[in-house]
Amino acid sequence: SITACSQGLTLTAASTVVFAELTWTPSIMSQAEDRAHRISQQNCVNVYYLYGPDTVDEMIFRMLN
């Protein structure tokens, strides 16, 4: 969950992060991504966003992008 990942969770062991939801607030999205990009991270991190065609998430992604 993006809201869970935006606060208090460090994902430095992850090299791939997949979000299955989007939020309207760009800063929350950025903070959730940053949880995997910490100082102790040794690997490149790939962040993927899943959304279906013709959904609200598709509209949000276009606005955020």
PDB file of N, CA and C in Angstrom:
ATOM      1  N   SER A   1       0.836  -1.184   0.000  1.00  0.00           N
ATOM      2  CA  SER A   1       0.000   0.000   0.000  1.00  0.00           C
ATOM      3  C   SER A   1       0.880   1.246   0.000  1.00  0.00           C
ATOM      4  N   ILE A   2       0.542   2.197  -0.798  1.00  0.00           N
ATOM      5  CA  ILE A   2       1.330   3.431  -0.870  1.00  0.00           C
ATOM      6  C   ILE A   2       1.263   4.192   0.440  1.00  0.00           C
ATOM      7  N   THR A   3       0.122   4.232   1.067  1.00  0.00           N
ATOM      8  CA  THR A   3       0.038   4.970   2.326  1.00  0.00           C
ATOM      9  C   THR A   3       0.851   4.293   3.421  1.00  0.00           C
ATOM     10  N   ALA A   4       0.946   2.983   3.401  1.00  0.00           N
ATOM     11  CA  ALA A   4       1.790   2.286   4.375  1.00  0.00           C
ATOM     12  C   ALA A   4       3.264   2.517   4.074  1.00  0.00           C
ATOM     13  N   CYS A   5       3.616   2.594   2.803  1.00  0.00           N
ATOM     14  CA  CYS A   5       5.019   2.768   2.420  1.00  0.00           C
ATOM     15  C   CYS A   5       5.479   4.208   2.520  1.00  0.00           C
ATOM     16  N   SER A   6       4.580   5.127   2.693  1.00  0.00           N
ATOM     17  CA  SER A   6       5.008   6.518   2.752  1.00  0.00           C
ATOM     18  C   SER A   6       5.463   6.924   4.149  1.00  0.00           C
ATOM     19  N   GLN A   7       5.262   6.060   5.142  1.00  0.00           N
ATOM     20  CA  GLN A   7       5.639   6.397   6.507  1.00  0.00           C
ATOM     21  C   GLN A   7       6.159   5.173   7.243  1.00  0.00           C
ATOM     22  N   GLY A   8       7.345   5.305   7.805  1.00  0.00           N
ATOM     23  CA  GLY A   8       7.855   4.331   8.753  1.00  0.00           C
ATOM     24  C   GLY A   8       8.251   2.966   8.233  1.00  0.00           C
ATOM     25  N   LEU A   9       8.374   2.790   6.952  1.00  0.00           N
ATOM     26  CA  LEU A   9       8.736   1.495   6.401  1.00  0.00           C
ATOM     27  C   LEU A   9       9.970   1.681   5.524  1.00  0.00           C
ATOM     28  N   THR A  10      11.011   0.902   5.783  1.00  0.00           N
ATOM     29  CA  THR A  10      12.227   0.976   4.984  1.00  0.00           C
ATOM     30  C   THR A  10      12.359  -0.307   4.187  1.00  0.00           C
ATOM     31  N   LEU A  11      12.526  -0.173   2.885  1.00  0.00           N
ATOM     32  CA  LEU A  11      12.564  -1.335   1.997  1.00  0.00           C
ATOM     33  C   LEU A  11      13.936  -1.518   1.364  1.00  0.00           C
ATOM     34  N   THR A  12      15.007  -1.341   2.121  1.00  0.00           N
ATOM     35  CA  THR A  12      16.346  -1.400   1.538  1.00  0.00           C
ATOM     36  C   THR A  12      16.728  -2.790   1.052  1.00  0.00           C
ATOM     37  N   ALA A  13      16.028  -3.818   1.467  1.00  0.00           N
ATOM     38  CA  ALA A  13      16.323  -5.170   0.980  1.00  0.00           C
ATOM     39  C   ALA A  13      15.682  -5.420  -0.383  1.00  0.00           C
ATOM     40  N   ALA A  14      14.784  -4.547  -0.791  1.00  0.00           N
ATOM     41  CA  ALA A  14      14.066  -4.736  -2.052  1.00  0.00           C
ATOM     42  C   ALA A  14      14.800  -4.087  -3.215  1.00  0.00           C
ATOM     43  N   SER A  15      14.798  -4.770  -4.349  1.00  0.00           N
ATOM     44  CA  SER A  15      15.324  -4.159  -5.567  1.00  0.00           C
ATOM     45  C   SER A  15      14.205  -3.925  -6.574  1.00  0.00           C
ATOM     46  N   THR A  16      13.035  -4.462  -6.294  1.00  0.00           N
ATOM     47  CA  THR A  16      11.853  -4.227  -7.114  1.00  0.00           C
ATOM     48  C   THR A  16      10.691  -3.889  -6.202  1.00  0.00           C
ATOM     49  N   VAL A  17      10.018  -2.788  -6.506  1.00  0.00           N
ATOM     50  CA  VAL A  17       8.863  -2.356  -5.727  1.00  0.00           C
ATOM     51  C   VAL A  17       7.694  -2.215  -6.696  1.00  0.00           C
ATOM     52  N   VAL A  18       6.555  -2.809  -6.349  1.00  0.00           N
ATOM     53  CA  VAL A  18       5.369  -2.752  -7.195  1.00  0.00           C
ATOM     54  C   VAL A  18       4.237  -2.126  -6.391  1.00  0.00           C
ATOM     55  N   PHE A  19       3.668  -1.055  -6.928  1.00  0.00           N
ATOM     56  CA  PHE A  19       2.519  -0.408  -6.308  1.00  0.00           C
ATOM     57  C   PHE A  19       1.285  -0.727  -7.138  1.00  0.00           C
ATOM     58  N   ALA A  20       0.256  -1.217  -6.489  1.00  0.00           N
ATOM     59  CA  ALA A  20      -0.982  -1.591  -7.171  1.00  0.00           C
ATOM     60  C   ALA A  20      -2.079  -0.561  -6.946  1.00  0.00           C
ATOM     61  N   GLU A  21      -1.696   0.613  -6.471  1.00  0.00           N
ATOM     62  CA  GLU A  21      -2.665   1.684  -6.268  1.00  0.00           C
ATOM     63  C   GLU A  21      -1.951   3.012  -6.465  1.00  0.00           C
ATOM     64  N   LEU A  22      -2.711   4.050  -6.719  1.00  0.00           N
ATOM     65  CA  LEU A  22      -2.157   5.383  -6.881  1.00  0.00           C
ATOM     66  C   LEU A  22      -2.898   6.333  -5.957  1.00  0.00           C
ATOM     67  N   THR A  23      -2.250   7.424  -5.632  1.00  0.00           N
ATOM     68  CA  THR A  23      -2.882   8.461  -4.821  1.00  0.00           C
ATOM     69  C   THR A  23      -2.768   9.782  -5.562  1.00  0.00           C
ATOM     70  N   TRP A  24      -3.636  10.718  -5.245  1.00  0.00           N
ATOM     71  CA  TRP A  24      -3.669  12.012  -5.934  1.00  0.00           C
ATOM     72  C   TRP A  24      -2.485  12.906  -5.571  1.00  0.00           C
ATOM     73  N   THR A  25      -1.808  12.621  -4.474  1.00  0.00           N
ATOM     74  CA  THR A  25      -0.780  13.515  -3.952  1.00  0.00           C
ATOM     75  C   THR A  25       0.608  13.075  -4.410  1.00  0.00           C
ATOM     76  N   PRO A  26       1.276  13.872  -5.254  1.00  0.00           N
ATOM     77  CA  PRO A  26       2.597  13.486  -5.756  1.00  0.00           C
ATOM     78  C   PRO A  26       3.634  13.273  -4.652  1.00  0.00           C
ATOM     79  N   SER A  27       3.580  14.045  -3.581  1.00  0.00           N
ATOM     80  CA  SER A  27       4.573  13.900  -2.514  1.00  0.00           C
ATOM     81  C   SER A  27       4.444  12.555  -1.801  1.00  0.00           C
ATOM     82  N   ILE A  28       3.247  12.027  -1.683  1.00  0.00           N
ATOM     83  CA  ILE A  28       3.055  10.712  -1.072  1.00  0.00           C
ATOM     84  C   ILE A  28       3.647   9.635  -1.974  1.00  0.00           C
ATOM     85  N   MET A  29       3.454   9.780  -3.282  1.00  0.00           N
ATOM     86  CA  MET A  29       4.028   8.830  -4.233  1.00  0.00           C
ATOM     87  C   MET A  29       5.554   8.841  -4.158  1.00  0.00           C
ATOM     88  N   SER A  30       6.116  10.026  -4.119  1.00  0.00           N
ATOM     89  CA  SER A  30       7.569  10.170  -4.057  1.00  0.00           C
ATOM     90  C   SER A  30       8.132   9.590  -2.759  1.00  0.00           C
ATOM     91  N   GLN A  31       7.477   9.862  -1.649  1.00  0.00           N
ATOM     92  CA  GLN A  31       7.924   9.347  -0.356  1.00  0.00           C
ATOM     93  C   GLN A  31       7.864   7.825  -0.322  1.00  0.00           C
ATOM     94  N   ALA A  32       6.830   7.240  -0.915  1.00  0.00           N
ATOM     95  CA  ALA A  32       6.714   5.780  -0.956  1.00  0.00           C
ATOM     96  C   ALA A  32       7.849   5.173  -1.781  1.00  0.00           C
ATOM     97  N   GLU A  33       8.200   5.808  -2.902  1.00  0.00           N
ATOM     98  CA  GLU A  33       9.332   5.330  -3.709  1.00  0.00           C
ATOM     99  C   GLU A  33      10.641   5.462  -2.950  1.00  0.00           C
ATOM    100  N   ASP A  34      10.798   6.555  -2.235  1.00  0.00           N
ATOM    101  CA  ASP A  34      12.044   6.809  -1.516  1.00  0.00           C
ATOM    102  C   ASP A  34      12.325   5.793  -0.419  1.00  0.00           C
ATOM    103  N   ARG A  35      11.310   5.074   0.041  1.00  0.00           N
ATOM    104  CA  ARG A  35      11.517   4.063   1.082  1.00  0.00           C
ATOM    105  C   ARG A  35      12.442   2.953   0.604  1.00  0.00           C
ATOM    106  N   ALA A  36      12.504   2.711  -0.700  1.00  0.00           N
ATOM    107  CA  ALA A  36      13.400   1.687  -1.240  1.00  0.00           C
ATOM    108  C   ALA A  36      14.769   2.268  -1.595  1.00  0.00           C
ATOM    109  N   HIS A  37      14.855   3.576  -1.750  1.00  0.00           N
ATOM    110  CA  HIS A  37      16.102   4.249  -2.128  1.00  0.00           C
ATOM    111  C   HIS A  37      16.752   4.862  -0.875  1.00  0.00           C
ATOM    112  N   ARG A  38      17.175   4.036   0.026  1.00  0.00           N
ATOM    113  CA  ARG A  38      17.812   4.504   1.250  1.00  0.00           C
ATOM    114  C   ARG A  38      19.329   4.448   1.138  1.00  0.00           C
ATOM    115  N   ILE A  39      20.013   5.079   2.054  1.00  0.00           N
ATOM    116  CA  ILE A  39      21.477   5.161   2.032  1.00  0.00           C
ATOM    117  C   ILE A  39      22.124   3.788   1.992  1.00  0.00           C
ATOM    118  N   SER A  40      21.590   2.811   2.712  1.00  0.00           N
ATOM    119  CA  SER A  40      22.205   1.484   2.768  1.00  0.00           C
ATOM    120  C   SER A  40      21.824   0.598   1.581  1.00  0.00           C
ATOM    121  N   GLN A  41      21.024   1.098   0.648  1.00  0.00           N
ATOM    122  CA  GLN A  41      20.639   0.313  -0.522  1.00  0.00           C
ATOM    123  C   GLN A  41      21.856   0.062  -1.407  1.00  0.00           C
ATOM    124  N   GLN A  42      22.108  -1.192  -1.739  1.00  0.00           N
ATOM    125  CA  GLN A  42      23.272  -1.576  -2.536  1.00  0.00           C
ATOM    126  C   GLN A  42      22.930  -1.822  -4.005  1.00  0.00           C
ATOM    127  N   ASN A  43      21.669  -1.990  -4.323  1.00  0.00           N
ATOM    128  CA  ASN A  43      21.241  -2.356  -5.675  1.00  0.00           C
ATOM    129  C   ASN A  43      20.460  -1.230  -6.333  1.00  0.00           C
ATOM    130  N   CYS A  44      20.341  -1.322  -7.650  1.00  0.00           N
ATOM    131  CA  CYS A  44      19.425  -0.448  -8.368  1.00  0.00           C
ATOM    132  C   CYS A  44      18.007  -0.853  -7.981  1.00  0.00           C
ATOM    133  N   VAL A  45      17.109   0.093  -7.958  1.00  0.00           N
ATOM    134  CA  VAL A  45      15.728  -0.185  -7.582  1.00  0.00           C
ATOM    135  C   VAL A  45      14.812   0.115  -8.759  1.00  0.00           C
ATOM    136  N   ASN A  46      13.971  -0.827  -9.099  1.00  0.00           N
ATOM    137  CA  ASN A  46      12.952  -0.643 -10.130  1.00  0.00           C
ATOM    138  C   ASN A  46      11.612  -0.464  -9.448  1.00  0.00           C
ATOM    139  N   VAL A  47      10.901   0.597  -9.806  1.00  0.00           N
ATOM    140  CA  VAL A  47       9.588   0.871  -9.234  1.00  0.00           C
ATOM    141  C   VAL A  47       8.564   0.747 -10.353  1.00  0.00           C
ATOM    142  N   TYR A  48       7.546  -0.075 -10.119  1.00  0.00           N
ATOM    143  CA  TYR A  48       6.491  -0.292 -11.100  1.00  0.00           C
ATOM    144  C   TYR A  48       5.151   0.110 -10.501  1.00  0.00           C
ATOM    145  N   TYR A  49       4.319   0.701 -11.337  1.00  0.00           N
ATOM    146  CA  TYR A  49       2.957   1.055 -10.944  1.00  0.00           C
ATOM    147  C   TYR A  49       2.000   0.261 -11.808  1.00  0.00           C
ATOM    148  N   LEU A  50       1.070  -0.429 -11.184  1.00  0.00           N
ATOM    149  CA  LEU A  50       0.071  -1.204 -11.906  1.00  0.00           C
ATOM    150  C   LEU A  50      -1.232  -0.420 -11.950  1.00  0.00           C
ATOM    151  N   TYR A  51      -1.793  -0.333 -13.121  1.00  0.00           N
ATOM    152  CA  TYR A  51      -3.121   0.252 -13.251  1.00  0.00           C
ATOM    153  C   TYR A  51      -3.773  -0.294 -14.508  1.00  0.00           C
ATOM    154  N   GLY A  52      -5.086  -0.372 -14.478  1.00  0.00           N
ATOM    155  CA  GLY A  52      -5.825  -0.915 -15.615  1.00  0.00           C
ATOM    156  C   GLY A  52      -6.285   0.186 -16.550  1.00  0.00           C
ATOM    157  N   PRO A  53      -6.508  -0.166 -17.797  1.00  0.00           N
ATOM    158  CA  PRO A  53      -7.006   0.823 -18.743  1.00  0.00           C
ATOM    159  C   PRO A  53      -8.426   1.260 -18.383  1.00  0.00           C
ATOM    160  N   ASP A  54      -8.708   2.504 -18.667  1.00  0.00           N
ATOM    161  CA  ASP A  54     -10.047   3.081 -18.427  1.00  0.00           C
ATOM    162  C   ASP A  54     -10.447   3.028 -16.954  1.00  0.00           C
ATOM    163  N   THR A  55      -9.487   3.267 -16.066  1.00  0.00           N
ATOM    164  CA  THR A  55      -9.771   3.317 -14.631  1.00  0.00           C
ATOM    165  C   THR A  55      -9.382   4.685 -14.086  1.00  0.00           C
ATOM    166  N   VAL A  56      -9.781   4.956 -12.874  1.00  0.00           N
ATOM    167  CA  VAL A  56      -9.383   6.200 -12.221  1.00  0.00           C
ATOM    168  C   VAL A  56      -7.858   6.246 -12.054  1.00  0.00           C
ATOM    169  N   ASP A  57      -7.242   5.104 -11.762  1.00  0.00           N
ATOM    170  CA  ASP A  57      -5.786   5.067 -11.614  1.00  0.00           C
ATOM    171  C   ASP A  57      -5.069   5.500 -12.890  1.00  0.00           C
ATOM    172  N   GLU A  58      -5.606   5.156 -14.050  1.00  0.00           N
ATOM    173  CA  GLU A  58      -4.992   5.588 -15.305  1.00  0.00           C
ATOM    174  C   GLU A  58      -5.039   7.111 -15.422  1.00  0.00           C
ATOM    175  N   MET A  59      -6.155   7.695 -15.041  1.00  0.00           N
ATOM    176  CA  MET A  59      -6.288   9.153 -15.079  1.00  0.00           C
ATOM    177  C   MET A  59      -5.321   9.806 -14.089  1.00  0.00           C
ATOM    178  N   ILE A  60      -5.221   9.260 -12.889  1.00  0.00           N
ATOM    179  CA  ILE A  60      -4.285   9.799 -11.883  1.00  0.00           C
ATOM    180  C   ILE A  60      -2.860   9.698 -12.372  1.00  0.00           C
ATOM    181  N   PHE A  61      -2.494   8.562 -12.970  1.00  0.00           N
ATOM    182  CA  PHE A  61      -1.113   8.375 -13.453  1.00  0.00           C
ATOM    183  C   PHE A  61      -0.770   9.430 -14.507  1.00  0.00           C
ATOM    184  N   ARG A  62      -1.684   9.688 -15.424  1.00  0.00           N
ATOM    185  CA  ARG A  62      -1.427  10.718 -16.437  1.00  0.00           C
ATOM    186  C   ARG A  62      -1.227  12.085 -15.800  1.00  0.00           C
ATOM    187  N   MET A  63      -2.015  12.398 -14.785  1.00  0.00           N
ATOM    188  CA  MET A  63      -1.892  13.694 -14.096  1.00  0.00           C
ATOM    189  C   MET A  63      -0.570  13.778 -13.356  1.00  0.00           C
ATOM    190  N   LEU A  64      -0.161  12.706 -12.685  1.00  0.00           N
ATOM    191  CA  LEU A  64       1.077  12.711 -11.926  1.00  0.00           C
ATOM    192  C   LEU A  64       2.296  12.728 -12.839  1.00  0.00           C
ATOM    193  N   ASN A  65       2.183  12.062 -13.968  1.00  0.00           N
ATOM    194  CA  ASN A  65       3.293  11.974 -14.894  1.00  0.00           C
ATOM    195  C   ASN A  65       3.537  13.309 -15.543  1.00  0.00           C
TER     196      ASN A  65
END
